[in-house]
Amino acid sequence: MSTTFQLAVVSAGTSDPSSTRLLADRVAGRVTALAGQRSQTVRTQVVELRTLASEIANALVSNHIGAGLQKAIATLQHADAIVASTPVYKAGASGLFTSFFQVLDNDLLIAKPVVLAATAGTARHALVVDDQIRGLFAYLRTVVVPTSLFAATEDWTDPALNKRIDRAALELVALMASGFEKQVREESWGRYQHEFGSAGGTEVSIDLDSDLMRLAAGGAAS
């Protein structure tokens, strides 16, 4: 019986087309091909952050989630895996990229498999993925595959890039097929320290009728 997986591709490239999106698409293509060899189907949805820039900025300062941003969040919530790709500027991930993941609920991506990818004009930025971006996704409690991807200008003609893409794609397919995220959410969800309001209210059991909660809401203790 064929299994269908949902793959979310998040690209922070600012041009159209962009090398950042190209790298993400190449990973997604290999994930689809390798899954197909196992009689598995992968459906890919792309989140282009450049089209959400104003909504992301607004969410940072007002906590208001616009319609486009809400759709992007839902795409990640229902995805079985994520390919996250960013350009590197001044030895750091794109501010657009980090801002998007900073406005997400801390519980949204728990145990979700992720491939991290980055592009830059020089190989001097090669360590940014593991040195900076991996830490962000560790905080979000995702499961980042062992192989991170980086492509400088000269890497696009190097066969070694394709080998790294294949390796990362295979790792992602293996994690999706294992059902790790589903098992964690079904059997271990309550063992995480969740924020109130996350996961549609299923995250914790909170006594809203306690004196503390009444005081927090501007009422009076009984």
Foldseek 3Di string as FASTA:
>chain_A
DEAEFEEEEEFADQDVVDVQVVLSVLLVVLLQVVSVVVNYHYDYDYDHLNVCQVQLVCCVVPVDHDPSLVVSLVSQQRGQAYEYTAEDDPLETDPSSLSSLVSDFLARAAAREYAYEYEYQDCVNVCRCVVPVVVSVVSSNYHYFPQHYYYHPVCVPPVVRVVSSNVRSVSNSVSSVVCRVVCCCVPPQQVDDHDQPPPNRPRDDDDCPAQVNQVVVVHHHD
